[in-house]
Amino acid sequence: MAKGPKVTIKVKSFVADIRNGASDKALVEKYTLTEAMLPKIFDQLIAGGHITEDELTNRTFFESTQDVMDLFTFPGPKNFD
């Protein structure tokens, strides 16, 4: 089974960014993550007692459709008007 790239993240810095309102897009960019890594990291932080589920529930995950589009590659034109 192939594994993705290993990324080292400083927990205190990552948690501080979450608590300071960093968006998913900002976290992905700052820590050079893939979109699949972020939920796994959140799960690890909860399991380790670094953050609570409530902290994640209260977050704004994406500010706009454009934020989502910037993270993923969609087939076809990018016109949603």
PDB file of N, CA and C in Angstrom:
ATOM      1  N   MET A   1       0.844  -1.176   0.000  1.00  0.00           N
ATOM      2  CA  MET A   1       0.000   0.000   0.000  1.00  0.00           C
ATOM      3  C   MET A   1       0.893   1.244   0.000  1.00  0.00           C
ATOM      4  N   ALA A   2       0.673   2.101  -0.963  1.00  0.00           N
ATOM      5  CA  ALA A   2       1.471   3.328  -1.066  1.00  0.00           C
ATOM      6  C   ALA A   2       0.967   4.361  -0.082  1.00  0.00           C
ATOM      7  N   LYS A   3       1.900   5.000   0.553  1.00  0.00           N
ATOM      8  CA  LYS A   3       1.542   6.060   1.486  1.00  0.00           C
ATOM      9  C   LYS A   3       1.892   7.394   0.865  1.00  0.00           C
ATOM     10  N   GLY A   4       1.179   8.439   1.283  1.00  0.00           N
ATOM     11  CA  GLY A   4       1.439   9.781   0.780  1.00  0.00           C
ATOM     12  C   GLY A   4       2.696  10.344   1.413  1.00  0.00           C
ATOM     13  N   PRO A   5       2.999  11.580   1.058  1.00  0.00           N
ATOM     14  CA  PRO A   5       4.200  12.212   1.608  1.00  0.00           C
ATOM     15  C   PRO A   5       4.062  12.424   3.111  1.00  0.00           C
ATOM     16  N   LYS A   6       5.182  12.261   3.810  1.00  0.00           N
ATOM     17  CA  LYS A   6       5.177  12.490   5.252  1.00  0.00           C
ATOM     18  C   LYS A   6       5.401  13.976   5.503  1.00  0.00           C
ATOM     19  N   VAL A   7       4.571  14.531   6.360  1.00  0.00           N
ATOM     20  CA  VAL A   7       4.648  15.949   6.684  1.00  0.00           C
ATOM     21  C   VAL A   7       4.817  16.078   8.192  1.00  0.00           C
ATOM     22  N   THR A   8       5.771  16.908   8.607  1.00  0.00           N
ATOM     23  CA  THR A   8       5.956  17.175  10.028  1.00  0.00           C
ATOM     24  C   THR A   8       5.336  18.522  10.349  1.00  0.00           C
ATOM     25  N   ILE A   9       4.472  18.514  11.361  1.00  0.00           N
ATOM     26  CA  ILE A   9       3.757  19.729  11.745  1.00  0.00           C
ATOM     27  C   ILE A   9       3.997  19.983  13.229  1.00  0.00           C
ATOM     28  N   LYS A  10       4.289  21.227  13.571  1.00  0.00           N
ATOM     29  CA  LYS A  10       4.411  21.597  14.975  1.00  0.00           C
ATOM     30  C   LYS A  10       2.997  21.778  15.518  1.00  0.00           C
ATOM     31  N   VAL A  11       2.644  20.916  16.452  1.00  0.00           N
ATOM     32  CA  VAL A  11       1.280  20.869  16.970  1.00  0.00           C
ATOM     33  C   VAL A  11       0.846  22.206  17.551  1.00  0.00           C
ATOM     34  N   LYS A  12       1.684  22.814  18.381  1.00  0.00           N
ATOM     35  CA  LYS A  12       1.294  24.083  19.017  1.00  0.00           C
ATOM     36  C   LYS A  12       0.988  25.156  17.979  1.00  0.00           C
ATOM     37  N   SER A  13       1.788  25.226  16.950  1.00  0.00           N
ATOM     38  CA  SER A  13       1.581  26.221  15.895  1.00  0.00           C
ATOM     39  C   SER A  13       0.296  25.925  15.124  1.00  0.00           C
ATOM     40  N   PHE A  14       0.078  24.668  14.783  1.00  0.00           N
ATOM     41  CA  PHE A  14      -1.103  24.269  14.031  1.00  0.00           C
ATOM     42  C   PHE A  14      -2.371  24.544  14.832  1.00  0.00           C
ATOM     43  N   VAL A  15      -2.365  24.155  16.114  1.00  0.00           N
ATOM     44  CA  VAL A  15      -3.517  24.386  16.979  1.00  0.00           C
ATOM     45  C   VAL A  15      -3.771  25.882  17.149  1.00  0.00           C
ATOM     46  N   ALA A  16      -2.701  26.653  17.301  1.00  0.00           N
ATOM     47  CA  ALA A  16      -2.860  28.110  17.425  1.00  0.00           C
ATOM     48  C   ALA A  16      -3.508  28.678  16.170  1.00  0.00           C
ATOM     49  N   ASP A  17      -3.101  28.196  14.998  1.00  0.00           N
ATOM     50  CA  ASP A  17      -3.705  28.667  13.750  1.00  0.00           C
ATOM     51  C   ASP A  17      -5.191  28.327  13.694  1.00  0.00           C
ATOM     52  N   ILE A  18      -5.546  27.118  14.126  1.00  0.00           N
ATOM     53  CA  ILE A  18      -6.961  26.720  14.157  1.00  0.00           C
ATOM     54  C   ILE A  18      -7.744  27.663  15.076  1.00  0.00           C
ATOM     55  N   ARG A  19      -7.211  27.883  16.254  1.00  0.00           N
ATOM     56  CA  ARG A  19      -7.906  28.709  17.243  1.00  0.00           C
ATOM     57  C   ARG A  19      -7.952  30.179  16.845  1.00  0.00           C
ATOM     58  N   ASN A  20      -7.027  30.602  15.992  1.00  0.00           N
ATOM     59  CA  ASN A  20      -7.024  31.980  15.508  1.00  0.00           C
ATOM     60  C   ASN A  20      -7.873  32.161  14.257  1.00  0.00           C
ATOM     61  N   GLY A  21      -8.581  31.095  13.850  1.00  0.00           N
ATOM     62  CA  GLY A  21      -9.528  31.212  12.747  1.00  0.00           C
ATOM     63  C   GLY A  21      -8.984  30.947  11.363  1.00  0.00           C
ATOM     64  N   ALA A  22      -7.830  30.286  11.267  1.00  0.00           N
ATOM     65  CA  ALA A  22      -7.286  29.977   9.938  1.00  0.00           C
ATOM     66  C   ALA A  22      -8.265  29.079   9.183  1.00  0.00           C
ATOM     67  N   SER A  23      -8.478  29.390   7.920  1.00  0.00           N
ATOM     68  CA  SER A  23      -9.371  28.579   7.087  1.00  0.00           C
ATOM     69  C   SER A  23      -8.664  27.289   6.681  1.00  0.00           C
ATOM     70  N   ASP A  24      -9.439  26.337   6.171  1.00  0.00           N
ATOM     71  CA  ASP A  24      -8.841  25.102   5.669  1.00  0.00           C
ATOM     72  C   ASP A  24      -7.825  25.419   4.580  1.00  0.00           C
ATOM     73  N   LYS A  25      -8.186  26.341   3.698  1.00  0.00           N
ATOM     74  CA  LYS A  25      -7.293  26.720   2.609  1.00  0.00           C
ATOM     75  C   LYS A  25      -5.975  27.261   3.162  1.00  0.00           C
ATOM     76  N   ALA A  26      -6.044  28.104   4.174  1.00  0.00           N
ATOM     77  CA  ALA A  26      -4.832  28.676   4.759  1.00  0.00           C
ATOM     78  C   ALA A  26      -3.977  27.587   5.406  1.00  0.00           C
ATOM     79  N   LEU A  27      -4.609  26.645   6.101  1.00  0.00           N
ATOM     80  CA  LEU A  27      -3.857  25.557   6.722  1.00  0.00           C
ATOM     81  C   LEU A  27      -3.188  24.674   5.676  1.00  0.00           C
ATOM     82  N   VAL A  28      -3.927  24.346   4.631  1.00  0.00           N
ATOM     83  CA  VAL A  28      -3.378  23.507   3.553  1.00  0.00           C
ATOM     84  C   VAL A  28      -2.169  24.188   2.917  1.00  0.00           C
ATOM     85  N   GLU A  29      -2.291  25.473   2.660  1.00  0.00           N
ATOM     86  CA  GLU A  29      -1.190  26.201   2.027  1.00  0.00           C
ATOM     87  C   GLU A  29       0.000  26.372   2.966  1.00  0.00           C
ATOM     88  N   LYS A  30      -0.250  26.793   4.196  1.00  0.00           N
ATOM     89  CA  LYS A  30       0.837  27.064   5.140  1.00  0.00           C
ATOM     90  C   LYS A  30       1.651  25.815   5.458  1.00  0.00           C
ATOM     91  N   TYR A  31       0.967  24.689   5.624  1.00  0.00           N
ATOM     92  CA  TYR A  31       1.649  23.464   6.039  1.00  0.00           C
ATOM     93  C   TYR A  31       1.880  22.492   4.885  1.00  0.00           C
ATOM     94  N   THR A  32       1.690  22.958   3.655  1.00  0.00           N
ATOM     95  CA  THR A  32       1.870  22.158   2.432  1.00  0.00           C
ATOM     96  C   THR A  32       1.238  20.773   2.556  1.00  0.00           C
ATOM     97  N   LEU A  33      -0.072  20.786   2.803  1.00  0.00           N
ATOM     98  CA  LEU A  33      -0.844  19.560   2.952  1.00  0.00           C
ATOM     99  C   LEU A  33      -1.632  19.272   1.687  1.00  0.00           C
ATOM    100  N   THR A  34      -2.133  18.060   1.595  1.00  0.00           N
ATOM    101  CA  THR A  34      -3.121  17.753   0.560  1.00  0.00           C
ATOM    102  C   THR A  34      -4.499  17.858   1.212  1.00  0.00           C
ATOM    103  N   GLU A  35      -5.527  17.953   0.400  1.00  0.00           N
ATOM    104  CA  GLU A  35      -6.872  18.070   0.956  1.00  0.00           C
ATOM    105  C   GLU A  35      -7.259  16.825   1.750  1.00  0.00           C
ATOM    106  N   ALA A  36      -6.670  15.672   1.435  1.00  0.00           N
ATOM    107  CA  ALA A  36      -6.975  14.437   2.164  1.00  0.00           C
ATOM    108  C   ALA A  36      -6.300  14.391   3.534  1.00  0.00           C
ATOM    109  N   MET A  37      -5.225  15.131   3.703  1.00  0.00           N
ATOM    110  CA  MET A  37      -4.486  15.109   4.975  1.00  0.00           C
ATOM    111  C   MET A  37      -5.207  15.850   6.097  1.00  0.00           C
ATOM    112  N   LEU A  38      -5.898  16.923   5.769  1.00  0.00           N
ATOM    113  CA  LEU A  38      -6.463  17.800   6.789  1.00  0.00           C
ATOM    114  C   LEU A  38      -7.417  17.086   7.743  1.00  0.00           C
ATOM    115  N   PRO A  39      -8.394  16.320   7.264  1.00  0.00           N
ATOM    116  CA  PRO A  39      -9.280  15.623   8.206  1.00  0.00           C
ATOM    117  C   PRO A  39      -8.527  14.619   9.078  1.00  0.00           C
ATOM    118  N   LYS A  40      -7.503  13.991   8.521  1.00  0.00           N
ATOM    119  CA  LYS A  40      -6.715  13.031   9.293  1.00  0.00           C
ATOM    120  C   LYS A  40      -5.951  13.742  10.407  1.00  0.00           C
ATOM    121  N   ILE A  41      -5.416  14.904  10.111  1.00  0.00           N
ATOM    122  CA  ILE A  41      -4.699  15.680  11.114  1.00  0.00           C
ATOM    123  C   ILE A  41      -5.667  16.125  12.207  1.00  0.00           C
ATOM    124  N   PHE A  42      -6.849  16.597  11.821  1.00  0.00           N
ATOM    125  CA  PHE A  42      -7.853  16.982  12.811  1.00  0.00           C
ATOM    126  C   PHE A  42      -8.174  15.800  13.735  1.00  0.00           C
ATOM    127  N   ASP A  43      -8.354  14.611  13.152  1.00  0.00           N
ATOM    128  CA  ASP A  43      -8.653  13.421  13.955  1.00  0.00           C
ATOM    129  C   ASP A  43      -7.524  13.125  14.934  1.00  0.00           C
ATOM    130  N   GLN A  44      -6.286  13.246  14.483  1.00  0.00           N
ATOM    131  CA  GLN A  44      -5.136  12.987  15.356  1.00  0.00           C
ATOM    132  C   GLN A  44      -5.059  14.013  16.484  1.00  0.00           C
ATOM    133  N   LEU A  45      -5.349  15.264  16.169  1.00  0.00           N
ATOM    134  CA  LEU A  45      -5.314  16.309  17.194  1.00  0.00           C
ATOM    135  C   LEU A  45      -6.395  16.078  18.253  1.00  0.00           C
ATOM    136  N   ILE A  46      -7.573  15.646  17.823  1.00  0.00           N
ATOM    137  CA  ILE A  46      -8.652  15.336  18.767  1.00  0.00           C
ATOM    138  C   ILE A  46      -8.266  14.125  19.618  1.00  0.00           C
ATOM    139  N   ALA A  47      -7.776  13.071  18.967  1.00  0.00           N
ATOM    140  CA  ALA A  47      -7.387  11.849  19.683  1.00  0.00           C
ATOM    141  C   ALA A  47      -6.287  12.129  20.705  1.00  0.00           C
ATOM    142  N   GLY A  48      -5.393  13.059  20.377  1.00  0.00           N
ATOM    143  CA  GLY A  48      -4.297  13.397  21.274  1.00  0.00           C
ATOM    144  C   GLY A  48      -4.672  14.406  22.342  1.00  0.00           C
ATOM    145  N   GLY A  49      -5.905  14.902  22.307  1.00  0.00           N
ATOM    146  CA  GLY A  49      -6.368  15.852  23.308  1.00  0.00           C
ATOM    147  C   GLY A  49      -5.874  17.283  23.089  1.00  0.00           C
ATOM    148  N   HIS A  50      -5.393  17.585  21.884  1.00  0.00           N
ATOM    149  CA  HIS A  50      -4.879  18.920  21.582  1.00  0.00           C
ATOM    150  C   HIS A  50      -5.981  19.915  21.256  1.00  0.00           C
ATOM    151  N   ILE A  51      -7.081  19.403  20.660  1.00  0.00           N
ATOM    152  CA  ILE A  51      -8.256  20.212  20.353  1.00  0.00           C
ATOM    153  C   ILE A  51      -9.493  19.372  20.667  1.00  0.00           C
ATOM    154  N   THR A  52     -10.630  20.041  20.737  1.00  0.00           N
ATOM    155  CA  THR A  52     -11.876  19.317  20.977  1.00  0.00           C
ATOM    156  C   THR A  52     -12.694  19.278  19.688  1.00  0.00           C
ATOM    157  N   GLU A  53     -13.639  18.373  19.654  1.00  0.00           N
ATOM    158  CA  GLU A  53     -14.540  18.298  18.497  1.00  0.00           C
ATOM    159  C   GLU A  53     -15.330  19.593  18.361  1.00  0.00           C
ATOM    160  N   ASP A  54     -15.664  20.207  19.490  1.00  0.00           N
ATOM    161  CA  ASP A  54     -16.403  21.475  19.448  1.00  0.00           C
ATOM    162  C   ASP A  54     -15.599  22.561  18.741  1.00  0.00           C
ATOM    163  N   GLU A  55     -14.290  22.575  18.936  1.00  0.00           N
ATOM    164  CA  GLU A  55     -13.464  23.577  18.263  1.00  0.00           C
ATOM    165  C   GLU A  55     -13.546  23.418  16.748  1.00  0.00           C
ATOM    166  N   LEU A  56     -13.612  22.187  16.280  1.00  0.00           N
ATOM    167  CA  LEU A  56     -13.731  21.966  14.836  1.00  0.00           C
ATOM    168  C   LEU A  56     -15.136  22.273  14.343  1.00  0.00           C
ATOM    169  N   THR A  57     -16.130  21.919  15.134  1.00  0.00           N
ATOM    170  CA  THR A  57     -17.522  22.157  14.749  1.00  0.00           C
ATOM    171  C   THR A  57     -17.794  23.645  14.571  1.00  0.00           C
ATOM    172  N   ASN A  58     -17.159  24.462  15.374  1.00  0.00           N
ATOM    173  CA  ASN A  58     -17.397  25.903  15.340  1.00  0.00           C
ATOM    174  C   ASN A  58     -16.575  26.637  14.286  1.00  0.00           C
ATOM    175  N   ARG A  59     -15.731  25.921  13.563  1.00  0.00           N
ATOM    176  CA  ARG A  59     -14.911  26.551  12.533  1.00  0.00           C
ATOM    177  C   ARG A  59     -15.716  26.804  11.262  1.00  0.00           C
ATOM    178  N   THR A  60     -15.277  27.775  10.510  1.00  0.00           N
ATOM    179  CA  THR A  60     -15.773  27.986   9.156  1.00  0.00           C
ATOM    180  C   THR A  60     -14.788  27.273   8.241  1.00  0.00           C
ATOM    181  N   PHE A  61     -15.236  26.213   7.611  1.00  0.00           N
ATOM    182  CA  PHE A  61     -14.312  25.404   6.832  1.00  0.00           C
ATOM    183  C   PHE A  61     -13.865  26.088   5.548  1.00  0.00           C
ATOM    184  N   PHE A  62     -14.781  26.580   4.788  1.00  0.00           N
ATOM    185  CA  PHE A  62     -14.437  27.282   3.557  1.00  0.00           C
ATOM    186  C   PHE A  62     -15.268  28.551   3.505  1.00  0.00           C
ATOM    187  N   GLU A  63     -14.624  29.636   3.102  1.00  0.00           N
ATOM    188  CA  GLU A  63     -15.354  30.887   3.033  1.00  0.00           C
ATOM    189  C   GLU A  63     -16.197  31.009   1.776  1.00  0.00           C
ATOM    190  N   SER A  64     -15.829  30.274   0.740  1.00  0.00           N
ATOM    191  CA  SER A  64     -16.568  30.411  -0.512  1.00  0.00           C
ATOM    192  C   SER A  64     -16.374  29.184  -1.382  1.00  0.00           C
ATOM    193  N   THR A  65     -17.195  29.100  -2.414  1.00  0.00           N
ATOM    194  CA  THR A  65     -17.024  28.054  -3.410  1.00  0.00           C
ATOM    195  C   THR A  65     -15.655  28.169  -4.053  1.00  0.00           C
ATOM    196  N   GLN A  66     -15.156  29.380  -4.222  1.00  0.00           N
ATOM    197  CA  GLN A  66     -13.848  29.569  -4.839  1.00  0.00           C
ATOM    198  C   GLN A  66     -12.755  28.926  -3.987  1.00  0.00           C
ATOM    199  N   ASP A  67     -12.854  28.991  -2.668  1.00  0.00           N
ATOM    200  CA  ASP A  67     -11.876  28.345  -1.797  1.00  0.00           C
ATOM    201  C   ASP A  67     -11.833  26.849  -2.056  1.00  0.00           C
ATOM    202  N   VAL A  68     -12.990  26.230  -2.216  1.00  0.00           N
ATOM    203  CA  VAL A  68     -13.055  24.809  -2.504  1.00  0.00           C
ATOM    204  C   VAL A  68     -12.448  24.535  -3.873  1.00  0.00           C
ATOM    205  N   MET A  69     -12.803  25.336  -4.850  1.00  0.00           N
ATOM    206  CA  MET A  69     -12.280  25.145  -6.204  1.00  0.00           C
ATOM    207  C   MET A  69     -10.761  25.289  -6.243  1.00  0.00           C
ATOM    208  N   ASP A  70     -10.205  26.140  -5.399  1.00  0.00           N
ATOM    209  CA  ASP A  70      -8.759  26.329  -5.374  1.00  0.00           C
ATOM    210  C   ASP A  70      -8.039  25.091  -4.848  1.00  0.00           C
ATOM    211  N   LEU A  71      -8.718  24.265  -4.058  1.00  0.00           N
ATOM    212  CA  LEU A  71      -8.097  23.073  -3.501  1.00  0.00           C
ATOM    213  C   LEU A  71      -8.223  21.847  -4.392  1.00  0.00           C
ATOM    214  N   PHE A  72      -9.250  21.800  -5.219  1.00  0.00           N
ATOM    215  CA  PHE A  72      -9.530  20.615  -6.003  1.00  0.00           C
ATOM    216  C   PHE A  72      -9.481  20.925  -7.495  1.00  0.00           C
ATOM    217  N   THR A  73      -9.270  19.885  -8.280  1.00  0.00           N
ATOM    218  CA  THR A  73      -9.324  20.016  -9.722  1.00  0.00           C
ATOM    219  C   THR A  73     -10.627  19.392 -10.191  1.00  0.00           C
ATOM    220  N   PHE A  74     -11.458  20.204 -10.823  1.00  0.00           N
ATOM    221  CA  PHE A  74     -12.731  19.735 -11.329  1.00  0.00           C
ATOM    222  C   PHE A  74     -12.674  19.680 -12.849  1.00  0.00           C
ATOM    223  N   PRO A  75     -13.263  18.647 -13.443  1.00  0.00           N
ATOM    224  CA  PRO A  75     -13.303  18.593 -14.897  1.00  0.00           C
ATOM    225  C   PRO A  75     -14.267  19.648 -15.440  1.00  0.00           C
ATOM    226  N   GLY A  76     -13.982  20.108 -16.611  1.00  0.00           N
ATOM    227  CA  GLY A  76     -14.887  21.062 -17.266  1.00  0.00           C
ATOM    228  C   GLY A  76     -14.593  22.493 -16.899  1.00  0.00           C
ATOM    229  N   PRO A  77     -15.412  23.419 -17.380  1.00  0.00           N
ATOM    230  CA  PRO A  77     -15.180  24.842 -17.131  1.00  0.00           C
ATOM    231  C   PRO A  77     -15.423  25.210 -15.664  1.00  0.00           C
ATOM    232  N   LYS A  78     -14.793  26.268 -15.230  1.00  0.00           N
ATOM    233  CA  LYS A  78     -14.929  26.743 -13.850  1.00  0.00           C
ATOM    234  C   LYS A  78     -15.889  27.910 -13.767  1.00  0.00           C
ATOM    235  N   ASN A  79     -16.949  27.880 -14.520  1.00  0.00           N
ATOM    236  CA  ASN A  79     -17.918  28.967 -14.512  1.00  0.00           C
ATOM    237  C   ASN A  79     -19.175  28.485 -13.815  1.00  0.00           C
ATOM    238  N   PHE A  80     -19.468  29.042 -12.628  1.00  0.00           N
ATOM    239  CA  PHE A  80     -20.647  28.658 -11.864  1.00  0.00           C
ATOM    240  C   PHE A  80     -21.668  29.763 -11.815  1.00  0.00           C
ATOM    241  N   ASP A  81     -21.610  30.709 -12.725  1.00  0.00           N
ATOM    242  CA  ASP A  81     -22.566  31.821 -12.721  1.00  0.00           C
ATOM    243  C   ASP A  81     -23.947  31.379 -13.128  1.00  0.00           C
TER     244      ASP A  81
END
